[in-house]
Amino acid sequence: MTQNVTLIGFGAIGRTLLQRSAGQPGLRITHVVVPEAHAAAAQANAAALQADIAIVSAVPHDTDLVVECAGHEALTEHVVPALLRGTECAVLSIGALSEPGLPEQLADAAAQGGTQVHLLSGAIGGVDAIAAARIAGLDAVTYTGRKPPSGWRGTPAEALADLGSLTEPTVILEDTAREAARLYPKNANVAATISLAGLGLDATRVRLIADPTVTENIHEIEVRGAFGEMRITMRGKPLPDNPKTSALTVLSALRFLHNRTATVTI
């Protein structure tokens, strides 16, 4: 039996998902949801990819699974209504869950619809280990995000440091995951994912660093608890079509889709 999948969003992530999932047995992306103003561009992109999909402005009622890769507003506009109808959903815009009340809104909608909402790991690893360790109890979870100064342009960091003349690593924020998500929403997904797997948005500590000595986006996680200690460092390569997006973000969604139809999952 083939699962019909609807994508919400057709930017670099959505287009790559469509390309990489083509031909996967038991899975077919049938629809892509975009705002009406973007429908013509999305149709052109679909044609360039030779993809037989429908461009729509709302999630169809007969879809089996929704994968969100559009950004924060898509959760309330499309994911919540789909969950209420009983449609299973997977979410990549985890940073949106730093908004007070939104995690509960998603959970309530899934409960009312008798379905599930899956929070995908995106650009970070070790989420399964953190979530498992939480069962026995966690003492501390810290996330450090390190980017070259140019990666912080267009953010509040510009008011804290002269990003063009930094000669050494400079901390631009040291606070909770919730505050990091509020001030740096476009950089919030990793911190939010870690916090939701572990101690929550208000107990997870975050350090954001503008570092002129690096050229990559570097994620560092430190976890302590009853299980022991864990330290993870990831240097993620960007998605070719969008340097601001980690390639691993797409791969995490592809893994999720693969596990929907595979006979053995991991």
C-alpha atoms as a PDB file:
ATOM      1  CA  MET A   1       0.000   0.000   0.000  1.00  0.00           C
ATOM      2  CA  THR A   2       1.392   3.377  -1.027  1.00  0.00           C
ATOM      3  CA  GLN A   3       1.424   6.284   1.405  1.00  0.00           C
ATOM      4  CA  ASN A   4       0.411   9.609  -0.109  1.00  0.00           C
ATOM      5  CA  VAL A   5       2.527  12.430   1.292  1.00  0.00           C
ATOM      6  CA  THR A   6       1.907  16.177   1.245  1.00  0.00           C
ATOM      7  CA  LEU A   7       4.758  18.635   1.657  1.00  0.00           C
ATOM      8  CA  ILE A   8       4.144  22.019   3.239  1.00  0.00           C
ATOM      9  CA  GLY A   9       6.659  24.359   1.649  1.00  0.00           C
ATOM     10  CA  PHE A  10       8.649  24.106  -1.564  1.00  0.00           C
ATOM     11  CA  GLY A  11      11.869  25.923  -0.867  1.00  0.00           C
ATOM     12  CA  ALA A  12      15.287  24.295  -0.983  1.00  0.00           C
ATOM     13  CA  ILE A  13      14.290  21.662   1.598  1.00  0.00           C
ATOM     14  CA  GLY A  14      11.003  20.760  -0.089  1.00  0.00           C
ATOM     15  CA  ARG A  15      12.545  20.540  -3.549  1.00  0.00           C
ATOM     16  CA  THR A  16      15.389  18.340  -2.311  1.00  0.00           C
ATOM     17  CA  LEU A  17      12.963  16.074  -0.453  1.00  0.00           C
ATOM     18  CA  LEU A  18      10.922  15.656  -3.610  1.00  0.00           C
ATOM     19  CA  GLN A  19      14.002  14.800  -5.671  1.00  0.00           C
ATOM     20  CA  ARG A  20      15.597  12.433  -3.177  1.00  0.00           C
ATOM     21  CA  SER A  21      12.397  10.536  -2.323  1.00  0.00           C
ATOM     22  CA  ALA A  22      11.459   9.860  -5.952  1.00  0.00           C
ATOM     23  CA  GLY A  23      11.131   6.171  -6.643  1.00  0.00           C
ATOM     24  CA  GLN A  24      11.032   5.127  -2.999  1.00  0.00           C
ATOM     25  CA  PRO A  25       8.759   2.062  -2.812  1.00  0.00           C
ATOM     26  CA  GLY A  26       5.506   2.577  -0.951  1.00  0.00           C
ATOM     27  CA  LEU A  27       5.813   6.362  -0.875  1.00  0.00           C
ATOM     28  CA  ARG A  28       4.552   9.090  -3.178  1.00  0.00           C
ATOM     29  CA  ILE A  29       4.590  12.853  -2.716  1.00  0.00           C
ATOM     30  CA  THR A  30       1.338  13.930  -4.321  1.00  0.00           C
ATOM     31  CA  HIS A  31       0.818  17.540  -3.191  1.00  0.00           C
ATOM     32  CA  VAL A  32       2.818  20.595  -2.178  1.00  0.00           C
ATOM     33  CA  VAL A  33       1.209  23.341  -0.106  1.00  0.00           C
ATOM     34  CA  VAL A  34       2.340  26.923  -0.770  1.00  0.00           C
ATOM     35  CA  PRO A  35       0.652  30.323  -0.439  1.00  0.00           C
ATOM     36  CA  GLU A  36      -1.417  31.220  -3.503  1.00  0.00           C
ATOM     37  CA  ALA A  37       0.987  34.050  -4.316  1.00  0.00           C
ATOM     38  CA  HIS A  38       3.806  31.484  -4.696  1.00  0.00           C
ATOM     39  CA  ALA A  39       1.820  28.902  -6.664  1.00  0.00           C
ATOM     40  CA  ALA A  40       3.118  29.874 -10.108  1.00  0.00           C
ATOM     41  CA  ALA A  41       6.761  29.728  -9.004  1.00  0.00           C
ATOM     42  CA  ALA A  42       6.172  26.394  -7.277  1.00  0.00           C
ATOM     43  CA  GLN A  43       4.541  24.995 -10.415  1.00  0.00           C
ATOM     44  CA  ALA A  44       7.544  26.082 -12.456  1.00  0.00           C
ATOM     45  CA  ASN A  45       9.916  24.444  -9.981  1.00  0.00           C
ATOM     46  CA  ALA A  46       7.886  21.241 -10.074  1.00  0.00           C
ATOM     47  CA  ALA A  47       7.980  21.252 -13.878  1.00  0.00           C
ATOM     48  CA  ALA A  48      11.760  21.767 -13.823  1.00  0.00           C
ATOM     49  CA  LEU A  49      12.035  18.706 -11.589  1.00  0.00           C
ATOM     50  CA  GLN A  50       9.664  16.788 -13.903  1.00  0.00           C
ATOM     51  CA  ALA A  51       7.513  16.075 -10.872  1.00  0.00           C
ATOM     52  CA  ASP A  52       3.896  15.009 -11.211  1.00  0.00           C
ATOM     53  CA  ILE A  53       2.489  16.798  -8.161  1.00  0.00           C
ATOM     54  CA  ALA A  54      -0.378  19.155  -7.431  1.00  0.00           C
ATOM     55  CA  ILE A  55       0.353  22.651  -6.105  1.00  0.00           C
ATOM     56  CA  VAL A  56      -2.333  23.570  -3.557  1.00  0.00           C
ATOM     57  CA  SER A  57      -2.947  26.177  -0.858  1.00  0.00           C
ATOM     58  CA  ALA A  58      -4.209  23.804   1.856  1.00  0.00           C
ATOM     59  CA  VAL A  59      -3.522  20.231   2.972  1.00  0.00           C
ATOM     60  CA  PRO A  60      -5.840  17.799   1.122  1.00  0.00           C
ATOM     61  CA  HIS A  61      -8.152  15.784   3.349  1.00  0.00           C
ATOM     62  CA  ASP A  62      -7.173  12.481   1.737  1.00  0.00           C
ATOM     63  CA  THR A  63      -3.423  12.685   2.333  1.00  0.00           C
ATOM     64  CA  ASP A  64      -1.874  10.045   4.599  1.00  0.00           C
ATOM     65  CA  LEU A  65       1.079  12.016   5.924  1.00  0.00           C
ATOM     66  CA  VAL A  66       2.190  15.649   6.048  1.00  0.00           C
ATOM     67  CA  VAL A  67       5.822  16.797   6.168  1.00  0.00           C
ATOM     68  CA  GLU A  68       6.253  20.456   7.133  1.00  0.00           C
ATOM     69  CA  CYS A  69       9.303  22.322   5.801  1.00  0.00           C
ATOM     70  CA  ALA A  70       7.892  25.813   5.364  1.00  0.00           C
ATOM     71  CA  GLY A  71       8.600  27.755   8.557  1.00  0.00           C
ATOM     72  CA  HIS A  72       6.884  28.719  11.764  1.00  0.00           C
ATOM     73  CA  GLU A  73       3.577  30.078  10.449  1.00  0.00           C
ATOM     74  CA  ALA A  74       2.833  26.801   8.682  1.00  0.00           C
ATOM     75  CA  LEU A  75       2.370  25.023  12.012  1.00  0.00           C
ATOM     76  CA  THR A  76      -0.703  26.986  13.062  1.00  0.00           C
ATOM     77  CA  GLU A  77      -2.048  27.500   9.545  1.00  0.00           C
ATOM     78  CA  HIS A  78      -1.705  23.958   8.213  1.00  0.00           C
ATOM     79  CA  VAL A  79      -0.303  21.425  10.685  1.00  0.00           C
ATOM     80  CA  VAL A  80      -2.773  22.020  13.530  1.00  0.00           C
ATOM     81  CA  PRO A  81      -5.866  21.685  11.248  1.00  0.00           C
ATOM     82  CA  ALA A  82      -4.423  18.542   9.658  1.00  0.00           C
ATOM     83  CA  LEU A  83      -3.825  16.967  13.072  1.00  0.00           C
ATOM     84  CA  LEU A  84      -7.361  17.811  14.171  1.00  0.00           C
ATOM     85  CA  ARG A  85      -8.624  15.875  11.127  1.00  0.00           C
ATOM     86  CA  GLY A  86      -6.525  12.876  12.120  1.00  0.00           C
ATOM     87  CA  THR A  87      -3.707  13.317   9.591  1.00  0.00           C
ATOM     88  CA  GLU A  88      -0.270  12.313  10.845  1.00  0.00           C
ATOM     89  CA  CYS A  89       2.314  15.126  10.590  1.00  0.00           C
ATOM     90  CA  ALA A  90       6.102  15.487  10.751  1.00  0.00           C
ATOM     91  CA  VAL A  91       7.614  18.879  11.592  1.00  0.00           C
ATOM     92  CA  LEU A  92      11.004  20.363  10.721  1.00  0.00           C
ATOM     93  CA  SER A  93      10.400  23.912  12.038  1.00  0.00           C
ATOM     94  CA  ILE A  94      11.031  22.912  15.651  1.00  0.00           C
ATOM     95  CA  GLY A  95      12.123  26.421  16.622  1.00  0.00           C
ATOM     96  CA  ALA A  96       8.492  27.505  16.361  1.00  0.00           C
ATOM     97  CA  LEU A  97       7.725  25.408  19.428  1.00  0.00           C
ATOM     98  CA  SER A  98       9.496  28.009  21.562  1.00  0.00           C
ATOM     99  CA  GLU A  99       6.335  30.088  21.164  1.00  0.00           C
ATOM    100  CA  PRO A 100       4.398  29.758  24.449  1.00  0.00           C
ATOM    101  CA  GLY A 101       1.478  27.387  24.134  1.00  0.00           C
ATOM    102  CA  LEU A 102       2.320  26.027  20.678  1.00  0.00           C
ATOM    103  CA  PRO A 103       3.714  22.643  21.825  1.00  0.00           C
ATOM    104  CA  GLU A 104       0.544  22.105  23.846  1.00  0.00           C
ATOM    105  CA  GLN A 105      -1.586  23.195  20.883  1.00  0.00           C
ATOM    106  CA  LEU A 106       0.053  20.608  18.641  1.00  0.00           C
ATOM    107  CA  ALA A 107      -0.256  17.897  21.277  1.00  0.00           C
ATOM    108  CA  ASP A 108      -3.924  18.692  21.899  1.00  0.00           C
ATOM    109  CA  ALA A 109      -4.705  18.715  18.172  1.00  0.00           C
ATOM    110  CA  ALA A 110      -3.024  15.325  17.706  1.00  0.00           C
ATOM    111  CA  ALA A 111      -4.913  13.912  20.698  1.00  0.00           C
ATOM    112  CA  GLN A 112      -8.247  15.195  19.387  1.00  0.00           C
ATOM    113  CA  GLY A 113      -7.514  13.802  15.931  1.00  0.00           C
ATOM    114  CA  GLY A 114      -6.295  10.466  17.304  1.00  0.00           C
ATOM    115  CA  THR A 115      -2.970  10.771  15.475  1.00  0.00           C
ATOM    116  CA  GLN A 116       0.671  11.734  16.066  1.00  0.00           C
ATOM    117  CA  VAL A 117       2.954  14.687  15.387  1.00  0.00           C
ATOM    118  CA  HIS A 118       6.633  13.817  14.867  1.00  0.00           C
ATOM    119  CA  LEU A 119       9.337  16.362  15.715  1.00  0.00           C
ATOM    120  CA  LEU A 120      12.221  15.601  13.361  1.00  0.00           C
ATOM    121  CA  SER A 121      15.828  15.909  14.518  1.00  0.00           C
ATOM    122  CA  GLY A 122      16.841  18.183  11.643  1.00  0.00           C
ATOM    123  CA  ALA A 123      20.407  19.493  11.687  1.00  0.00           C
ATOM    124  CA  ILE A 124      21.494  17.846  14.930  1.00  0.00           C
ATOM    125  CA  GLY A 125      22.375  14.347  16.108  1.00  0.00           C
ATOM    126  CA  GLY A 126      22.098  12.624  19.459  1.00  0.00           C
ATOM    127  CA  VAL A 127      18.445  13.525  19.970  1.00  0.00           C
ATOM    128  CA  ASP A 128      17.514   9.878  20.526  1.00  0.00           C
ATOM    129  CA  ALA A 129      20.218   9.539  23.208  1.00  0.00           C
ATOM    130  CA  ILE A 130      19.111  12.718  25.003  1.00  0.00           C
ATOM    131  CA  ALA A 131      15.468  11.616  24.971  1.00  0.00           C
ATOM    132  CA  ALA A 132      16.436   8.178  26.273  1.00  0.00           C
ATOM    133  CA  ALA A 133      18.643   9.658  29.010  1.00  0.00           C
ATOM    134  CA  ARG A 134      15.782  11.900  30.117  1.00  0.00           C
ATOM    135  CA  ILE A 135      13.877   8.827  31.296  1.00  0.00           C
ATOM    136  CA  ALA A 136      16.448   8.265  34.070  1.00  0.00           C
ATOM    137  CA  GLY A 137      16.852  11.984  34.790  1.00  0.00           C
ATOM    138  CA  LEU A 138      18.996  14.802  33.399  1.00  0.00           C
ATOM    139  CA  ASP A 139      21.040  17.307  35.405  1.00  0.00           C
ATOM    140  CA  ALA A 140      22.201  19.725  32.718  1.00  0.00           C
ATOM    141  CA  VAL A 141      21.946  20.254  28.959  1.00  0.00           C
ATOM    142  CA  THR A 142      23.987  22.945  27.212  1.00  0.00           C
ATOM    143  CA  TYR A 143      24.020  23.849  23.546  1.00  0.00           C
ATOM    144  CA  THR A 144      26.707  26.013  21.938  1.00  0.00           C
ATOM    145  CA  GLY A 145      26.167  27.298  18.399  1.00  0.00           C
ATOM    146  CA  ARG A 146      29.234  28.649  16.637  1.00  0.00           C
ATOM    147  CA  LYS A 147      29.113  30.382  13.253  1.00  0.00           C
ATOM    148  CA  PRO A 148      31.374  32.713  11.279  1.00  0.00           C
ATOM    149  CA  PRO A 149      30.427  36.374  11.860  1.00  0.00           C
ATOM    150  CA  SER A 150      28.702  36.598   8.461  1.00  0.00           C
ATOM    151  CA  GLY A 151      26.271  33.915   9.628  1.00  0.00           C
ATOM    152  CA  TRP A 152      24.887  36.315  12.250  1.00  0.00           C
ATOM    153  CA  ARG A 153      24.144  39.220   9.920  1.00  0.00           C
ATOM    154  CA  GLY A 154      20.555  40.406  10.054  1.00  0.00           C
ATOM    155  CA  THR A 155      20.230  39.341  13.714  1.00  0.00           C
ATOM    156  CA  PRO A 156      20.464  41.171  17.074  1.00  0.00           C
ATOM    157  CA  ALA A 157      24.168  40.238  17.100  1.00  0.00           C
ATOM    158  CA  GLU A 158      24.815  43.250  14.862  1.00  0.00           C
ATOM    159  CA  ALA A 159      23.946  45.544  17.776  1.00  0.00           C
ATOM    160  CA  LEU A 160      26.333  43.693  20.103  1.00  0.00           C
ATOM    161  CA  ALA A 161      29.478  43.449  18.001  1.00  0.00           C
ATOM    162  CA  ASP A 162      31.057  44.777  14.817  1.00  0.00           C
ATOM    163  CA  LEU A 163      30.714  41.538  12.909  1.00  0.00           C
ATOM    164  CA  GLY A 164      32.942  42.734  10.103  1.00  0.00           C
ATOM    165  CA  SER A 165      35.980  43.351  12.290  1.00  0.00           C
ATOM    166  CA  LEU A 166      35.958  40.539  14.860  1.00  0.00           C
ATOM    167  CA  THR A 167      39.354  38.925  15.415  1.00  0.00           C
ATOM    168  CA  GLU A 168      38.408  36.408  18.109  1.00  0.00           C
ATOM    169  CA  PRO A 169      35.359  34.340  19.111  1.00  0.00           C
ATOM    170  CA  THR A 170      32.687  36.547  20.674  1.00  0.00           C
ATOM    171  CA  VAL A 171      29.695  35.356  22.699  1.00  0.00           C
ATOM    172  CA  ILE A 172      26.571  37.088  21.399  1.00  0.00           C
ATOM    173  CA  LEU A 173      24.101  35.316  23.684  1.00  0.00           C
ATOM    174  CA  GLU A 174      24.197  33.200  26.820  1.00  0.00           C
ATOM    175  CA  ASP A 175      20.714  32.409  28.068  1.00  0.00           C
ATOM    176  CA  THR A 176      17.905  29.844  27.968  1.00  0.00           C
ATOM    177  CA  ALA A 177      16.806  28.027  24.827  1.00  0.00           C
ATOM    178  CA  ARG A 178      13.520  29.950  24.954  1.00  0.00           C
ATOM    179  CA  GLU A 179      15.297  33.313  24.929  1.00  0.00           C
ATOM    180  CA  ALA A 180      17.656  32.149  22.190  1.00  0.00           C
ATOM    181  CA  ALA A 181      14.668  31.172  20.063  1.00  0.00           C
ATOM    182  CA  ARG A 182      12.955  34.522  20.737  1.00  0.00           C
ATOM    183  CA  LEU A 183      15.962  36.630  19.753  1.00  0.00           C
ATOM    184  CA  TYR A 184      17.350  34.393  17.007  1.00  0.00           C
ATOM    185  CA  PRO A 185      14.323  32.599  15.534  1.00  0.00           C
ATOM    186  CA  LYS A 186      16.105  31.605  12.301  1.00  0.00           C
ATOM    187  CA  ASN A 187      18.797  29.885  14.371  1.00  0.00           C
ATOM    188  CA  ALA A 188      16.432  28.348  16.919  1.00  0.00           C
ATOM    189  CA  ASN A 189      15.701  24.897  15.520  1.00  0.00           C
ATOM    190  CA  VAL A 190      18.712  23.057  16.946  1.00  0.00           C
ATOM    191  CA  ALA A 191      18.460  24.563  20.445  1.00  0.00           C
ATOM    192  CA  ALA A 192      14.710  23.980  20.523  1.00  0.00           C
ATOM    193  CA  THR A 193      15.058  20.357  19.386  1.00  0.00           C
ATOM    194  CA  ILE A 194      17.627  19.618  22.077  1.00  0.00           C
ATOM    195  CA  SER A 195      15.539  21.294  24.760  1.00  0.00           C
ATOM    196  CA  LEU A 196      12.346  19.430  23.811  1.00  0.00           C
ATOM    197  CA  ALA A 197      14.233  16.125  23.890  1.00  0.00           C
ATOM    198  CA  GLY A 198      15.749  16.943  27.258  1.00  0.00           C
ATOM    199  CA  LEU A 199      15.120  19.500  30.006  1.00  0.00           C
ATOM    200  CA  GLY A 200      12.766  21.879  28.214  1.00  0.00           C
ATOM    201  CA  LEU A 201      13.132  25.380  26.823  1.00  0.00           C
ATOM    202  CA  ASP A 202      13.631  27.146  30.150  1.00  0.00           C
ATOM    203  CA  ALA A 203      16.190  24.770  31.683  1.00  0.00           C
ATOM    204  CA  THR A 204      18.373  24.252  28.606  1.00  0.00           C
ATOM    205  CA  ARG A 205      21.334  26.648  28.458  1.00  0.00           C
ATOM    206  CA  VAL A 206      22.428  28.145  25.137  1.00  0.00           C
ATOM    207  CA  ARG A 207      25.578  29.967  24.057  1.00  0.00           C
ATOM    208  CA  LEU A 208      25.749  31.545  20.610  1.00  0.00           C
ATOM    209  CA  ILE A 209      29.164  32.574  19.305  1.00  0.00           C
ATOM    210  CA  ALA A 210      30.345  34.646  16.351  1.00  0.00           C
ATOM    211  CA  ASP A 211      33.701  33.071  15.536  1.00  0.00           C
ATOM    212  CA  PRO A 212      35.975  34.507  12.816  1.00  0.00           C
ATOM    213  CA  THR A 213      38.247  31.446  13.075  1.00  0.00           C
ATOM    214  CA  VAL A 214      35.649  29.044  11.615  1.00  0.00           C
ATOM    215  CA  THR A 215      34.000  28.718   8.214  1.00  0.00           C
ATOM    216  CA  GLU A 216      31.322  26.167   9.146  1.00  0.00           C
ATOM    217  CA  ASN A 217      28.282  26.111  11.394  1.00  0.00           C
ATOM    218  CA  ILE A 218      29.357  24.144  14.467  1.00  0.00           C
ATOM    219  CA  HIS A 219      26.946  22.603  16.982  1.00  0.00           C
ATOM    220  CA  GLU A 220      28.182  21.463  20.393  1.00  0.00           C
ATOM    221  CA  ILE A 221      26.001  19.636  22.923  1.00  0.00           C
ATOM    222  CA  GLU A 222      26.906  18.700  26.481  1.00  0.00           C
ATOM    223  CA  VAL A 223      24.590  16.532  28.579  1.00  0.00           C
ATOM    224  CA  ARG A 224      24.911  15.266  32.162  1.00  0.00           C
ATOM    225  CA  GLY A 225      22.527  13.007  34.026  1.00  0.00           C
ATOM    226  CA  ALA A 226      21.949   9.688  35.738  1.00  0.00           C
ATOM    227  CA  PHE A 227      23.078   7.913  32.548  1.00  0.00           C
ATOM    228  CA  GLY A 228      26.528   9.551  32.658  1.00  0.00           C
ATOM    229  CA  GLU A 229      27.844  12.292  30.382  1.00  0.00           C
ATOM    230  CA  MET A 230      27.696  12.971  26.656  1.00  0.00           C
ATOM    231  CA  ARG A 231      29.432  15.488  24.434  1.00  0.00           C
ATOM    232  CA  ILE A 232      28.677  15.869  20.722  1.00  0.00           C
ATOM    233  CA  THR A 233      30.292  18.192  18.169  1.00  0.00           C
ATOM    234  CA  MET A 234      28.863  18.485  14.686  1.00  0.00           C
ATOM    235  CA  ARG A 235      30.226  20.452  11.744  1.00  0.00           C
ATOM    236  CA  GLY A 236      27.376  20.435   9.291  1.00  0.00           C
ATOM    237  CA  LYS A 237      27.740  21.114   5.592  1.00  0.00           C
ATOM    238  CA  PRO A 238      25.055  23.371   4.100  1.00  0.00           C
ATOM    239  CA  LEU A 239      22.402  22.417   1.581  1.00  0.00           C
ATOM    240  CA  PRO A 240      23.762  23.374  -1.873  1.00  0.00           C
ATOM    241  CA  ASP A 241      20.575  25.293  -2.766  1.00  0.00           C
ATOM    242  CA  ASN A 242      20.477  27.182   0.536  1.00  0.00           C
ATOM    243  CA  PRO A 243      23.705  27.876   2.481  1.00  0.00           C
ATOM    244  CA  LYS A 244      21.685  28.794   5.589  1.00  0.00           C
ATOM    245  CA  THR A 245      20.210  25.281   5.825  1.00  0.00           C
ATOM    246  CA  SER A 246      22.080  22.194   6.956  1.00  0.00           C
ATOM    247  CA  ALA A 247      22.123  19.293   4.518  1.00  0.00           C
ATOM    248  CA  LEU A 248      21.426  17.005   7.484  1.00  0.00           C
ATOM    249  CA  THR A 249      18.033  18.667   7.919  1.00  0.00           C
ATOM    250  CA  VAL A 250      16.867  17.194   4.626  1.00  0.00           C
ATOM    251  CA  LEU A 251      18.503  13.866   5.375  1.00  0.00           C
ATOM    252  CA  SER A 252      16.656  13.593   8.697  1.00  0.00           C
ATOM    253  CA  ALA A 253      13.339  14.015   6.867  1.00  0.00           C
ATOM    254  CA  LEU A 254      14.384  11.454   4.241  1.00  0.00           C
ATOM    255  CA  ARG A 255      15.254   8.991   7.005  1.00  0.00           C
ATOM    256  CA  PHE A 256      11.816   9.524   8.539  1.00  0.00           C
ATOM    257  CA  LEU A 257      10.114   8.898   5.195  1.00  0.00           C
ATOM    258  CA  HIS A 258      12.250   5.812   4.575  1.00  0.00           C
ATOM    259  CA  ASN A 259      11.252   4.396   7.953  1.00  0.00           C
ATOM    260  CA  ARG A 260       7.578   4.785   7.071  1.00  0.00           C
ATOM    261  CA  THR A 261       7.817   2.012   4.516  1.00  0.00           C
ATOM    262  CA  ALA A 262      11.002   0.069   5.323  1.00  0.00           C
ATOM    263  CA  THR A 263      10.755  -3.454   6.748  1.00  0.00           C
ATOM    264  CA  VAL A 264      13.641  -2.718   9.135  1.00  0.00           C
ATOM    265  CA  THR A 265      13.997   0.710  10.743  1.00  0.00           C
ATOM    266  CA  ILE A 266      16.709   2.354  12.815  1.00  0.00           C
END
